[in-house]
Amino acid sequence: MSYVVTIDGPAGAGKSSMARALAKSLGVHYLDTGAIYRAIALMLDESEININQPELISEALKDIKMELRNGAVLVNGVDVSGLIRTPHIDKIASEYSALKCVRDALLNLQQEQQNFGSLIAEGRDVGSVVFPDAAVKFYLTASPEARAKRRCLERELKGEKVNYQETLQAIKSRDKFDSSREASPLKVPDGAIVIDTSELNELETLNLLESHVKKILKILF
């Protein structure tokens, strides 16, 4: 029996790292929906197709071939995993992903992933739109300050120069944009377990998520 667990939440709440860790712990697939939208944003940006050209976007998405392979993201056969993790893509990904034509085009791609077995999916609308019937739904959140500190630390570890105040403002702006967009706005999915990770480290958060999953799906473990 296969199942889907979703993890929604705002930027910097730890969705990606927790979904990846939970999937590894449970021995199931990990679906990084954010990477899909980042890859789309990269492709459209490189093609010089902006958010005000929905017809061109729809046409471009008809020919795109995307593959999620062992944690890597391939667009038309090219591994773009490293190229999609930059501040520029951070910004434009949210703008492109807010477009209904983009979300509609990628909805089936995401839903098809459950055909390959149980999976942990993370994003901003996976529990509310992509997998509304998921067996377990989580909503991870944290204060903007905590999330900004984490984002700065991530980039410092990569050798990047960071500015905490700029990062904090970007987090707040992203929250406002994601929550107010017309297509699939960020919200707590119906029936989701809300977890504030502001004062939790990664191991504590993982243990909490895993305990909820095993309790709810005890028949599977």
N, C-alpha and C. Protein backbone atom coordinates (compact mmCIF):
# COMPACT_ATOMS: atom_id res chain seq x y z
N MET A 1 0.85 -1.21 0.00
CA MET A 1 0.00 0.00 0.00
C MET A 1 0.88 1.24 0.00
N SER A 2 0.70 2.11 -0.97
CA SER A 2 1.50 3.33 -1.05
C SER A 2 0.74 4.49 -0.43
N TYR A 3 1.47 5.53 -0.11
CA TYR A 3 0.87 6.70 0.54
C TYR A 3 1.63 7.95 0.15
N VAL A 4 1.01 9.10 0.41
CA VAL A 4 1.64 10.40 0.14
C VAL A 4 1.60 11.22 1.43
N VAL A 5 2.74 11.82 1.76
CA VAL A 5 2.84 12.74 2.89
C VAL A 5 3.25 14.09 2.31
N THR A 6 2.52 15.13 2.65
CA THR A 6 2.84 16.47 2.13
C THR A 6 3.38 17.37 3.23
N ILE A 7 4.29 18.25 2.84
CA ILE A 7 4.85 19.23 3.76
C ILE A 7 4.79 20.59 3.08
N ASP A 8 3.89 21.44 3.54
CA ASP A 8 3.76 22.79 3.02
C ASP A 8 4.36 23.78 4.01
N GLY A 9 4.50 25.03 3.56
CA GLY A 9 5.00 26.06 4.46
C GLY A 9 5.70 27.16 3.71
N PRO A 10 6.00 28.25 4.38
CA PRO A 10 6.66 29.40 3.75
C PRO A 10 8.14 29.15 3.49
N ALA A 11 8.76 30.06 2.76
CA ALA A 11 10.18 29.95 2.43
C ALA A 11 11.04 29.93 3.69
N GLY A 12 12.00 29.02 3.73
CA GLY A 12 12.94 28.98 4.84
C GLY A 12 12.46 28.25 6.07
N ALA A 13 11.30 27.58 6.00
CA ALA A 13 10.77 26.88 7.18
C ALA A 13 11.39 25.50 7.36
N GLY A 14 12.18 25.07 6.39
CA GLY A 14 12.83 23.77 6.51
C GLY A 14 12.12 22.66 5.76
N LYS A 15 11.22 23.02 4.84
CA LYS A 15 10.45 22.01 4.11
C LYS A 15 11.34 21.03 3.34
N SER A 16 12.25 21.58 2.57
CA SER A 16 13.07 20.73 1.70
C SER A 16 13.95 19.77 2.48
N SER A 17 14.67 20.30 3.47
CA SER A 17 15.58 19.44 4.24
C SER A 17 14.81 18.39 5.02
N MET A 18 13.64 18.76 5.56
CA MET A 18 12.85 17.80 6.33
C MET A 18 12.19 16.76 5.43
N ALA A 19 11.71 17.18 4.28
CA ALA A 19 11.08 16.23 3.36
C ALA A 19 12.12 15.23 2.86
N ARG A 20 13.30 15.73 2.56
CA ARG A 20 14.37 14.85 2.08
C ARG A 20 14.77 13.85 3.17
N ALA A 21 14.92 14.35 4.39
CA ALA A 21 15.33 13.50 5.52
C ALA A 21 14.24 12.49 5.87
N LEU A 22 12.99 12.93 5.84
CA LEU A 22 11.88 12.04 6.17
C LEU A 22 11.75 10.94 5.12
N ALA A 23 11.90 11.30 3.88
CA ALA A 23 11.81 10.31 2.80
C ALA A 23 12.92 9.26 2.96
N LYS A 24 14.11 9.71 3.30
CA LYS A 24 15.23 8.78 3.50
C LYS A 24 14.97 7.88 4.69
N SER A 25 14.46 8.46 5.77
CA SER A 25 14.20 7.70 6.98
C SER A 25 13.13 6.63 6.75
N LEU A 26 12.11 6.97 5.98
CA LEU A 26 11.00 6.04 5.73
C LEU A 26 11.25 5.15 4.52
N GLY A 27 12.30 5.45 3.76
CA GLY A 27 12.62 4.63 2.60
C GLY A 27 11.66 4.81 1.44
N VAL A 28 11.21 6.06 1.22
CA VAL A 28 10.28 6.33 0.12
C VAL A 28 10.83 7.46 -0.75
N HIS A 29 10.12 7.78 -1.82
CA HIS A 29 10.56 8.81 -2.76
C HIS A 29 10.37 10.21 -2.17
N TYR A 30 11.21 11.14 -2.64
CA TYR A 30 11.12 12.54 -2.24
C TYR A 30 10.80 13.38 -3.47
N LEU A 31 9.73 14.17 -3.39
CA LEU A 31 9.33 15.03 -4.50
C LEU A 31 9.56 16.49 -4.11
N ASP A 32 10.56 17.10 -4.73
CA ASP A 32 10.90 18.50 -4.49
C ASP A 32 10.17 19.36 -5.52
N THR A 33 8.96 19.78 -5.19
CA THR A 33 8.18 20.57 -6.14
C THR A 33 8.81 21.94 -6.37
N GLY A 34 9.48 22.46 -5.35
CA GLY A 34 10.13 23.76 -5.50
C GLY A 34 11.19 23.73 -6.59
N ALA A 35 11.91 22.61 -6.68
CA ALA A 35 12.95 22.47 -7.70
C ALA A 35 12.34 22.48 -9.10
N ILE A 36 11.15 21.92 -9.22
CA ILE A 36 10.47 21.90 -10.52
C ILE A 36 10.17 23.33 -10.98
N TYR A 37 9.62 24.14 -10.07
CA TYR A 37 9.29 25.51 -10.42
C TYR A 37 10.54 26.35 -10.65
N ARG A 38 11.60 26.07 -9.90
CA ARG A 38 12.86 26.78 -10.11
C ARG A 38 13.43 26.47 -11.49
N ALA A 39 13.32 25.21 -11.88
CA ALA A 39 13.84 24.81 -13.19
C ALA A 39 13.06 25.48 -14.31
N ILE A 40 11.75 25.57 -14.13
CA ILE A 40 10.92 26.25 -15.12
C ILE A 40 11.31 27.72 -15.22
N ALA A 41 11.50 28.35 -14.05
CA ALA A 41 11.88 29.77 -14.02
C ALA A 41 13.22 29.98 -14.73
N LEU A 42 14.17 29.09 -14.49
CA LEU A 42 15.48 29.19 -15.13
C LEU A 42 15.33 29.10 -16.65
N MET A 43 14.57 28.13 -17.11
CA MET A 43 14.40 27.93 -18.54
C MET A 43 13.74 29.14 -19.21
N LEU A 44 12.68 29.64 -18.58
CA LEU A 44 11.96 30.78 -19.16
C LEU A 44 12.81 32.04 -19.12
N ASP A 45 13.56 32.21 -18.04
CA ASP A 45 14.42 33.38 -17.90
C ASP A 45 15.51 33.36 -18.98
N GLU A 46 16.12 32.19 -19.19
CA GLU A 46 17.16 32.08 -20.20
C GLU A 46 16.61 32.26 -21.61
N SER A 47 15.32 31.96 -21.77
CA SER A 47 14.66 32.14 -23.07
C SER A 47 14.12 33.56 -23.24
N GLU A 48 14.34 34.39 -22.20
CA GLU A 48 13.89 35.78 -22.19
C GLU A 48 12.38 35.90 -22.37
N ILE A 49 11.68 34.96 -21.72
CA ILE A 49 10.21 35.01 -21.69
C ILE A 49 9.81 35.47 -20.30
N ASN A 50 9.19 36.65 -20.19
CA ASN A 50 8.87 37.17 -18.88
C ASN A 50 7.46 36.83 -18.44
N ILE A 51 7.13 37.20 -17.21
CA ILE A 51 5.85 36.81 -16.62
C ILE A 51 4.65 37.49 -17.28
N ASN A 52 4.90 38.50 -18.09
CA ASN A 52 3.81 39.20 -18.77
C ASN A 52 3.52 38.64 -20.16
N GLN A 53 4.09 37.44 -20.43
CA GLN A 53 3.88 36.80 -21.73
C GLN A 53 3.32 35.39 -21.55
N PRO A 54 2.11 35.28 -20.99
CA PRO A 54 1.53 33.96 -20.70
C PRO A 54 1.39 33.06 -21.91
N GLU A 55 1.09 33.62 -23.09
CA GLU A 55 0.94 32.79 -24.28
C GLU A 55 2.27 32.15 -24.67
N LEU A 56 3.36 32.92 -24.58
CA LEU A 56 4.68 32.39 -24.90
C LEU A 56 5.10 31.35 -23.86
N ILE A 57 4.73 31.59 -22.60
CA ILE A 57 5.06 30.65 -21.54
C ILE A 57 4.37 29.32 -21.79
N SER A 58 3.08 29.37 -22.09
CA SER A 58 2.31 28.15 -22.34
C SER A 58 2.89 27.38 -23.51
N GLU A 59 3.29 28.10 -24.55
CA GLU A 59 3.87 27.47 -25.73
C GLU A 59 5.21 26.81 -25.39
N ALA A 60 6.02 27.49 -24.59
CA ALA A 60 7.33 26.96 -24.21
C ALA A 60 7.19 25.71 -23.36
N LEU A 61 6.19 25.69 -22.48
CA LEU A 61 6.01 24.56 -21.58
C LEU A 61 5.50 23.30 -22.30
N LYS A 62 4.97 23.48 -23.51
CA LYS A 62 4.49 22.31 -24.26
C LYS A 62 5.64 21.39 -24.66
N ASP A 63 6.79 21.97 -24.88
CA ASP A 63 7.92 21.21 -25.39
C ASP A 63 8.92 20.80 -24.32
N ILE A 64 8.72 21.24 -23.09
CA ILE A 64 9.69 20.95 -22.05
C ILE A 64 9.62 19.50 -21.59
N LYS A 65 10.78 18.93 -21.35
CA LYS A 65 10.88 17.58 -20.81
C LYS A 65 11.66 17.66 -19.50
N MET A 66 11.01 17.31 -18.41
CA MET A 66 11.65 17.40 -17.11
C MET A 66 11.69 16.04 -16.44
N GLU A 67 12.81 15.78 -15.79
CA GLU A 67 12.99 14.50 -15.12
C GLU A 67 13.63 14.72 -13.76
N LEU A 68 13.07 14.07 -12.74
CA LEU A 68 13.64 14.10 -11.40
C LEU A 68 14.36 12.78 -11.20
N ARG A 69 15.69 12.84 -11.11
CA ARG A 69 16.46 11.61 -11.07
C ARG A 69 17.48 11.64 -9.93
N ASN A 70 17.25 10.80 -8.91
CA ASN A 70 18.18 10.68 -7.79
C ASN A 70 18.56 12.03 -7.18
N GLY A 71 17.56 12.88 -7.00
CA GLY A 71 17.79 14.18 -6.39
C GLY A 71 18.20 15.26 -7.37
N ALA A 72 18.47 14.89 -8.62
CA ALA A 72 18.86 15.85 -9.65
C ALA A 72 17.65 16.27 -10.48
N VAL A 73 17.72 17.47 -11.04
CA VAL A 73 16.64 17.97 -11.89
C VAL A 73 17.20 18.17 -13.29
N LEU A 74 16.62 17.48 -14.26
CA LEU A 74 17.07 17.58 -15.65
C LEU A 74 15.99 18.24 -16.48
N VAL A 75 16.38 19.26 -17.23
CA VAL A 75 15.46 19.93 -18.15
C VAL A 75 15.96 19.69 -19.56
N ASN A 76 15.14 19.02 -20.34
CA ASN A 76 15.52 18.65 -21.71
C ASN A 76 16.87 17.94 -21.74
N GLY A 77 17.07 17.07 -20.74
CA GLY A 77 18.28 16.27 -20.69
C GLY A 77 19.48 16.93 -20.03
N VAL A 78 19.34 18.18 -19.61
CA VAL A 78 20.46 18.91 -19.01
C VAL A 78 20.26 19.02 -17.49
N ASP A 79 21.27 18.66 -16.72
CA ASP A 79 21.19 18.74 -15.26
C ASP A 79 21.35 20.20 -14.84
N VAL A 80 20.28 20.76 -14.25
CA VAL A 80 20.30 22.17 -13.84
C VAL A 80 20.26 22.31 -12.32
N SER A 81 20.54 21.22 -11.63
CA SER A 81 20.43 21.20 -10.17
C SER A 81 21.19 22.34 -9.49
N GLY A 82 22.39 22.62 -9.97
CA GLY A 82 23.19 23.68 -9.36
C GLY A 82 22.76 25.07 -9.78
N LEU A 83 22.25 25.20 -10.98
CA LEU A 83 21.89 26.51 -11.52
C LEU A 83 20.62 27.09 -10.91
N ILE A 84 19.78 26.24 -10.31
CA ILE A 84 18.49 26.73 -9.81
C ILE A 84 18.55 27.19 -8.36
N ARG A 85 19.73 27.10 -7.72
CA ARG A 85 19.85 27.48 -6.31
C ARG A 85 20.62 28.78 -6.16
N THR A 86 20.09 29.84 -6.72
CA THR A 86 20.73 31.15 -6.63
C THR A 86 19.71 32.19 -6.17
N PRO A 87 20.17 33.33 -5.62
CA PRO A 87 19.24 34.39 -5.19
C PRO A 87 18.35 34.87 -6.33
N HIS A 88 18.90 34.93 -7.54
CA HIS A 88 18.11 35.40 -8.69
C HIS A 88 16.95 34.45 -8.97
N ILE A 89 17.24 33.16 -8.97
CA ILE A 89 16.18 32.18 -9.20
C ILE A 89 15.20 32.17 -8.04
N ASP A 90 15.70 32.40 -6.82
CA ASP A 90 14.80 32.53 -5.65
C ASP A 90 13.70 33.53 -5.96
N LYS A 91 14.10 34.66 -6.50
CA LYS A 91 13.17 35.75 -6.73
C LYS A 91 12.21 35.46 -7.88
N ILE A 92 12.75 35.06 -9.01
CA ILE A 92 11.88 34.91 -10.18
C ILE A 92 11.04 33.64 -10.13
N ALA A 93 11.48 32.65 -9.37
CA ALA A 93 10.70 31.41 -9.29
C ALA A 93 9.32 31.67 -8.70
N SER A 94 9.27 32.53 -7.68
CA SER A 94 7.97 32.83 -7.06
C SER A 94 7.07 33.59 -8.02
N GLU A 95 7.67 34.42 -8.88
CA GLU A 95 6.88 35.19 -9.84
C GLU A 95 6.29 34.29 -10.92
N TYR A 96 7.11 33.40 -11.45
CA TYR A 96 6.61 32.47 -12.48
C TYR A 96 5.62 31.47 -11.89
N SER A 97 5.91 30.98 -10.68
CA SER A 97 5.05 29.95 -10.09
C SER A 97 3.68 30.49 -9.70
N ALA A 98 3.56 31.80 -9.62
CA ALA A 98 2.26 32.40 -9.29
C ALA A 98 1.31 32.39 -10.49
N LEU A 99 1.84 32.13 -11.67
CA LEU A 99 1.03 32.14 -12.88
C LEU A 99 0.22 30.86 -13.02
N LYS A 100 -1.05 31.01 -13.30
CA LYS A 100 -1.93 29.84 -13.43
C LYS A 100 -1.49 28.93 -14.58
N CYS A 101 -1.01 29.51 -15.66
CA CYS A 101 -0.60 28.69 -16.80
C CYS A 101 0.58 27.79 -16.44
N VAL A 102 1.45 28.26 -15.56
CA VAL A 102 2.60 27.46 -15.12
C VAL A 102 2.14 26.36 -14.18
N ARG A 103 1.31 26.72 -13.21
CA ARG A 103 0.87 25.74 -12.22
C ARG A 103 0.01 24.65 -12.87
N ASP A 104 -0.84 25.05 -13.81
CA ASP A 104 -1.67 24.06 -14.50
C ASP A 104 -0.81 23.08 -15.31
N ALA A 105 0.22 23.61 -15.95
CA ALA A 105 1.07 22.78 -16.81
C ALA A 105 1.85 21.75 -16.00
N LEU A 106 2.20 22.10 -14.77
CA LEU A 106 3.05 21.22 -13.97
C LEU A 106 2.27 20.36 -12.97
N LEU A 107 0.97 20.57 -12.87
CA LEU A 107 0.18 19.82 -11.91
C LEU A 107 0.22 18.31 -12.19
N ASN A 108 0.00 17.93 -13.42
CA ASN A 108 0.01 16.50 -13.76
C ASN A 108 1.37 15.87 -13.54
N LEU A 109 2.43 16.61 -13.87
CA LEU A 109 3.79 16.10 -13.68
C LEU A 109 4.02 15.72 -12.23
N GLN A 110 3.54 16.57 -11.33
CA GLN A 110 3.73 16.30 -9.91
C GLN A 110 2.86 15.13 -9.45
N GLN A 111 1.60 15.13 -9.87
CA GLN A 111 0.69 14.08 -9.43
C GLN A 111 1.11 12.70 -9.94
N GLU A 112 1.72 12.66 -11.10
CA GLU A 112 2.15 11.39 -11.68
C GLU A 112 3.23 10.70 -10.85
N GLN A 113 3.93 11.46 -10.03
CA GLN A 113 5.03 10.89 -9.26
C GLN A 113 4.54 9.83 -8.25
N GLN A 114 3.27 9.92 -7.84
CA GLN A 114 2.76 8.94 -6.89
C GLN A 114 2.54 7.58 -7.53
N ASN A 115 2.60 7.52 -8.85
CA ASN A 115 2.47 6.24 -9.54
C ASN A 115 3.68 5.35 -9.33
N PHE A 116 4.78 5.95 -8.86
CA PHE A 116 6.02 5.20 -8.67
C PHE A 116 6.20 4.74 -7.23
N GLY A 117 5.16 4.90 -6.40
CA GLY A 117 5.23 4.44 -5.01
C GLY A 117 5.03 5.56 -4.01
N SER A 118 5.15 5.23 -2.74
CA SER A 118 4.96 6.21 -1.67
C SER A 118 5.96 7.36 -1.82
N LEU A 119 5.54 8.56 -1.42
CA LEU A 119 6.44 9.69 -1.54
C LEU A 119 6.15 10.77 -0.51
N ILE A 120 7.19 11.57 -0.26
CA ILE A 120 7.08 12.75 0.59
C ILE A 120 7.19 13.94 -0.35
N ALA A 121 6.17 14.78 -0.38
CA ALA A 121 6.16 15.93 -1.29
C ALA A 121 6.16 17.22 -0.49
N GLU A 122 6.99 18.17 -0.91
CA GLU A 122 7.01 19.45 -0.22
C GLU A 122 6.83 20.60 -1.20
N GLY A 123 6.23 21.69 -0.71
CA GLY A 123 6.01 22.85 -1.56
C GLY A 123 5.15 23.87 -0.85
N ARG A 124 4.40 24.63 -1.63
CA ARG A 124 3.53 25.65 -1.04
C ARG A 124 2.05 25.38 -1.30
N ASP A 125 1.77 24.34 -2.08
CA ASP A 125 0.37 23.99 -2.30
C ASP A 125 0.20 22.49 -2.49
N VAL A 126 1.17 21.70 -2.02
CA VAL A 126 1.09 20.25 -2.26
C VAL A 126 -0.04 19.60 -1.46
N GLY A 127 -0.31 20.11 -0.28
CA GLY A 127 -1.37 19.53 0.53
C GLY A 127 -2.74 20.09 0.21
N SER A 128 -2.77 21.28 -0.35
CA SER A 128 -4.05 21.92 -0.65
C SER A 128 -4.50 21.72 -2.09
N VAL A 129 -3.55 21.60 -3.04
CA VAL A 129 -3.91 21.51 -4.45
C VAL A 129 -3.39 20.23 -5.13
N VAL A 130 -2.10 19.97 -4.99
CA VAL A 130 -1.49 18.85 -5.73
C VAL A 130 -1.94 17.50 -5.20
N PHE A 131 -1.87 17.31 -3.88
CA PHE A 131 -2.28 16.05 -3.27
C PHE A 131 -3.27 16.32 -2.12
N PRO A 132 -4.47 16.80 -2.44
CA PRO A 132 -5.43 17.15 -1.40
C PRO A 132 -5.91 15.95 -0.58
N ASP A 133 -5.72 14.73 -1.11
CA ASP A 133 -6.14 13.53 -0.40
C ASP A 133 -4.96 12.80 0.25
N ALA A 134 -3.87 13.49 0.46
CA ALA A 134 -2.68 12.87 1.06
C ALA A 134 -3.02 12.26 2.42
N ALA A 135 -2.37 11.15 2.71
CA ALA A 135 -2.64 10.44 3.97
C ALA A 135 -2.26 11.28 5.19
N VAL A 136 -1.15 12.01 5.07
CA VAL A 136 -0.69 12.87 6.17
C VAL A 136 -0.25 14.20 5.58
N LYS A 137 -0.69 15.29 6.21
CA LYS A 137 -0.32 16.62 5.75
C LYS A 137 0.34 17.40 6.89
N PHE A 138 1.45 18.05 6.58
CA PHE A 138 2.12 18.91 7.54
C PHE A 138 2.20 20.33 7.00
N TYR A 139 2.23 21.28 7.93
CA TYR A 139 2.50 22.67 7.56
C TYR A 139 3.60 23.15 8.49
N LEU A 140 4.82 23.29 7.94
CA LEU A 140 5.95 23.76 8.74
C LEU A 140 6.05 25.27 8.64
N THR A 141 6.23 25.91 9.77
CA THR A 141 6.39 27.35 9.77
C THR A 141 7.46 27.73 10.77
N ALA A 142 7.85 28.99 10.79
CA ALA A 142 8.84 29.51 11.74
C ALA A 142 8.78 31.03 11.63
N SER A 143 9.28 31.72 12.60
CA SER A 143 9.27 33.17 12.55
C SER A 143 10.14 33.64 11.38
N PRO A 144 9.82 34.80 10.80
CA PRO A 144 10.64 35.33 9.71
C PRO A 144 12.10 35.48 10.12
N GLU A 145 12.33 35.87 11.38
CA GLU A 145 13.70 36.04 11.86
C GLU A 145 14.47 34.72 11.87
N ALA A 146 13.82 33.67 12.35
CA ALA A 146 14.47 32.36 12.39
C ALA A 146 14.77 31.87 10.98
N ARG A 147 13.84 32.09 10.08
CA ARG A 147 14.02 31.63 8.71
C ARG A 147 15.13 32.42 8.00
N ALA A 148 15.21 33.72 8.29
CA ALA A 148 16.25 34.55 7.68
C ALA A 148 17.64 34.11 8.17
N LYS A 149 17.75 33.78 9.45
CA LYS A 149 19.03 33.32 9.99
C LYS A 149 19.46 32.02 9.32
N ARG A 150 18.51 31.12 9.13
CA ARG A 150 18.83 29.85 8.48
C ARG A 150 19.27 30.05 7.04
N ARG A 151 18.58 30.92 6.33
CA ARG A 151 18.93 31.18 4.93
C ARG A 151 20.32 31.80 4.83
N CYS A 152 20.63 32.71 5.74
CA CYS A 152 21.95 33.34 5.75
C CYS A 152 23.04 32.30 6.02
N LEU A 153 22.78 31.42 6.98
CA LEU A 153 23.75 30.38 7.32
C LEU A 153 23.99 29.45 6.14
N GLU A 154 22.93 29.08 5.45
CA GLU A 154 23.05 28.21 4.28
C GLU A 154 23.97 28.83 3.24
N ARG A 155 23.80 30.12 3.00
CA ARG A 155 24.59 30.78 1.96
C ARG A 155 26.02 31.07 2.42
N GLU A 156 26.18 31.32 3.71
CA GLU A 156 27.53 31.52 4.24
C GLU A 156 28.34 30.24 4.09
N LEU A 157 27.69 29.10 4.33
CA LEU A 157 28.37 27.81 4.20
C LEU A 157 28.78 27.54 2.75
N LYS A 158 28.11 28.19 1.82
CA LYS A 158 28.45 28.04 0.40
C LYS A 158 29.49 29.07 -0.03
N GLY A 159 29.91 29.91 0.94
CA GLY A 159 30.91 30.93 0.62
C GLY A 159 30.34 32.20 0.06
N GLU A 160 29.01 32.37 0.14
CA GLU A 160 28.37 33.56 -0.40
C GLU A 160 28.32 34.67 0.64
N LYS A 161 28.35 35.91 0.18
CA LYS A 161 28.19 37.05 1.07
C LYS A 161 26.70 37.25 1.34
N VAL A 162 26.36 37.47 2.59
CA VAL A 162 24.94 37.61 2.94
C VAL A 162 24.71 38.85 3.79
N ASN A 163 23.51 39.35 3.73
CA ASN A 163 23.09 40.49 4.54
C ASN A 163 21.81 40.08 5.24
N TYR A 164 21.85 40.01 6.57
CA TYR A 164 20.70 39.51 7.32
C TYR A 164 19.46 40.36 7.08
N GLN A 165 19.57 41.68 7.15
CA GLN A 165 18.40 42.54 7.01
C GLN A 165 17.78 42.42 5.62
N GLU A 166 18.62 42.31 4.61
CA GLU A 166 18.09 42.15 3.25
C GLU A 166 17.40 40.79 3.11
N THR A 167 18.00 39.77 3.72
CA THR A 167 17.41 38.44 3.67
C THR A 167 16.08 38.40 4.40
N LEU A 168 16.02 39.05 5.56
CA LEU A 168 14.78 39.11 6.33
C LEU A 168 13.68 39.81 5.54
N GLN A 169 14.02 40.92 4.90
CA GLN A 169 13.03 41.65 4.11
C GLN A 169 12.55 40.82 2.94
N ALA A 170 13.48 40.08 2.33
CA ALA A 170 13.10 39.22 1.20
C ALA A 170 12.15 38.12 1.65
N ILE A 171 12.40 37.56 2.83
CA ILE A 171 11.53 36.53 3.39
C ILE A 171 10.12 37.08 3.61
N LYS A 172 10.03 38.26 4.21
CA LYS A 172 8.73 38.87 4.49
C LYS A 172 7.98 39.20 3.20
N SER A 173 8.73 39.70 2.20
CA SER A 173 8.11 40.03 0.92
C SER A 173 7.60 38.76 0.24
N ARG A 174 8.39 37.69 0.32
CA ARG A 174 7.99 36.42 -0.29
C ARG A 174 6.74 35.87 0.39
N ASP A 175 6.68 35.98 1.72
CA ASP A 175 5.50 35.52 2.46
C ASP A 175 4.24 36.24 1.99
N LYS A 176 4.35 37.56 1.86
CA LYS A 176 3.20 38.37 1.46
C LYS A 176 2.78 38.01 0.04
N PHE A 177 3.76 37.85 -0.84
CA PHE A 177 3.46 37.52 -2.24
C PHE A 177 2.83 36.14 -2.34
N ASP A 178 3.42 35.14 -1.70
CA ASP A 178 2.91 33.77 -1.80
C ASP A 178 1.51 33.62 -1.20
N SER A 179 1.24 34.37 -0.14
CA SER A 179 -0.05 34.25 0.54
C SER A 179 -1.17 34.99 -0.18
N SER A 180 -0.81 35.95 -1.01
CA SER A 180 -1.84 36.78 -1.65
C SER A 180 -2.00 36.51 -3.14
N ARG A 181 -1.17 35.62 -3.69
CA ARG A 181 -1.28 35.38 -5.13
C ARG A 181 -2.61 34.72 -5.47
N GLU A 182 -3.05 34.92 -6.70
CA GLU A 182 -4.36 34.43 -7.11
C GLU A 182 -4.36 32.91 -7.32
N ALA A 183 -3.30 32.38 -7.91
CA ALA A 183 -3.24 30.95 -8.21
C ALA A 183 -2.58 30.19 -7.06
N SER A 184 -3.32 29.29 -6.46
CA SER A 184 -2.81 28.42 -5.39
C SER A 184 -2.01 29.17 -4.33
N PRO A 185 -2.64 30.08 -3.61
CA PRO A 185 -1.91 30.83 -2.58
C PRO A 185 -1.44 29.93 -1.43
N LEU A 186 -0.37 30.36 -0.78
CA LEU A 186 0.15 29.63 0.36
C LEU A 186 -0.87 29.69 1.50
N LYS A 187 -1.24 28.52 2.03
CA LYS A 187 -2.15 28.46 3.15
C LYS A 187 -2.00 27.12 3.85
N VAL A 188 -2.56 27.03 5.05
CA VAL A 188 -2.53 25.77 5.79
C VAL A 188 -3.57 24.84 5.17
N PRO A 189 -3.16 23.68 4.63
CA PRO A 189 -4.11 22.76 4.00
C PRO A 189 -5.11 22.21 5.03
N ASP A 190 -6.29 21.89 4.58
CA ASP A 190 -7.29 21.29 5.46
C ASP A 190 -6.73 20.00 6.07
N GLY A 191 -6.85 19.90 7.38
CA GLY A 191 -6.41 18.70 8.07
C GLY A 191 -4.92 18.60 8.32
N ALA A 192 -4.18 19.66 8.01
CA ALA A 192 -2.72 19.61 8.18
C ALA A 192 -2.31 19.78 9.65
N ILE A 193 -1.22 19.12 10.01
CA ILE A 193 -0.62 19.27 11.34
C ILE A 193 0.37 20.42 11.26
N VAL A 194 0.13 21.48 12.02
CA VAL A 194 0.99 22.67 11.99
C VAL A 194 2.12 22.53 13.00
N ILE A 195 3.34 22.72 12.53
CA ILE A 195 4.51 22.61 13.40
C ILE A 195 5.38 23.85 13.24
N ASP A 196 5.62 24.56 14.35
CA ASP A 196 6.49 25.74 14.36
C ASP A 196 7.90 25.27 14.68
N THR A 197 8.82 25.47 13.74
CA THR A 197 10.19 24.98 13.91
C THR A 197 11.16 26.04 14.41
N SER A 198 10.65 27.19 14.82
CA SER A 198 11.51 28.30 15.24
C SER A 198 12.53 27.87 16.30
N GLU A 199 12.09 27.06 17.26
CA GLU A 199 12.96 26.66 18.37
C GLU A 199 13.40 25.20 18.26
N LEU A 200 13.18 24.59 17.10
CA LEU A 200 13.54 23.18 16.93
C LEU A 200 14.73 23.05 15.98
N ASN A 201 15.63 22.10 16.28
CA ASN A 201 16.69 21.84 15.32
C ASN A 201 16.19 20.78 14.33
N GLU A 202 17.01 20.43 13.36
CA GLU A 202 16.57 19.52 12.31
C GLU A 202 16.21 18.13 12.84
N LEU A 203 17.02 17.62 13.76
CA LEU A 203 16.76 16.29 14.29
C LEU A 203 15.45 16.27 15.09
N GLU A 204 15.22 17.30 15.89
CA GLU A 204 13.98 17.37 16.67
C GLU A 204 12.76 17.45 15.75
N THR A 205 12.89 18.24 14.69
CA THR A 205 11.78 18.37 13.74
C THR A 205 11.52 17.05 13.03
N LEU A 206 12.60 16.40 12.60
CA LEU A 206 12.46 15.12 11.90
C LEU A 206 11.80 14.08 12.78
N ASN A 207 12.23 13.99 14.03
CA ASN A 207 11.64 13.02 14.96
C ASN A 207 10.16 13.28 15.16
N LEU A 208 9.79 14.56 15.21
CA LEU A 208 8.39 14.91 15.40
C LEU A 208 7.55 14.52 14.18
N LEU A 209 8.07 14.81 12.99
CA LEU A 209 7.36 14.45 11.76
C LEU A 209 7.20 12.94 11.65
N GLU A 210 8.29 12.22 11.92
CA GLU A 210 8.27 10.77 11.78
C GLU A 210 7.30 10.13 12.78
N SER A 211 7.25 10.67 13.98
CA SER A 211 6.36 10.10 14.99
C SER A 211 4.90 10.28 14.58
N HIS A 212 4.57 11.43 13.99
CA HIS A 212 3.21 11.68 13.52
C HIS A 212 2.85 10.72 12.39
N VAL A 213 3.77 10.56 11.43
CA VAL A 213 3.51 9.68 10.29
C VAL A 213 3.28 8.25 10.76
N LYS A 214 4.15 7.77 11.63
CA LYS A 214 4.03 6.38 12.10
C LYS A 214 2.77 6.17 12.94
N LYS A 215 2.38 7.20 13.66
CA LYS A 215 1.16 7.08 14.48
C LYS A 215 -0.07 7.03 13.59
N ILE A 216 -0.11 7.90 12.57
CA ILE A 216 -1.27 7.95 11.68
C ILE A 216 -1.33 6.76 10.74
N LEU A 217 -0.16 6.33 10.25
CA LEU A 217 -0.12 5.22 9.30
C LEU A 217 0.44 3.97 9.94
N LYS A 218 0.08 3.75 11.19
CA LYS A 218 0.65 2.64 11.95
C LYS A 218 0.45 1.28 11.27
N ILE A 219 -0.60 1.18 10.46
CA ILE A 219 -0.86 -0.09 9.79
C ILE A 219 0.26 -0.43 8.79
N LEU A 220 1.02 0.62 8.37
CA LEU A 220 2.05 0.40 7.37
C LEU A 220 3.42 0.12 7.96
N PHE A 221 3.56 0.25 9.28
CA PHE A 221 4.89 0.11 9.87
C PHE A 221 4.94 -1.04 10.88
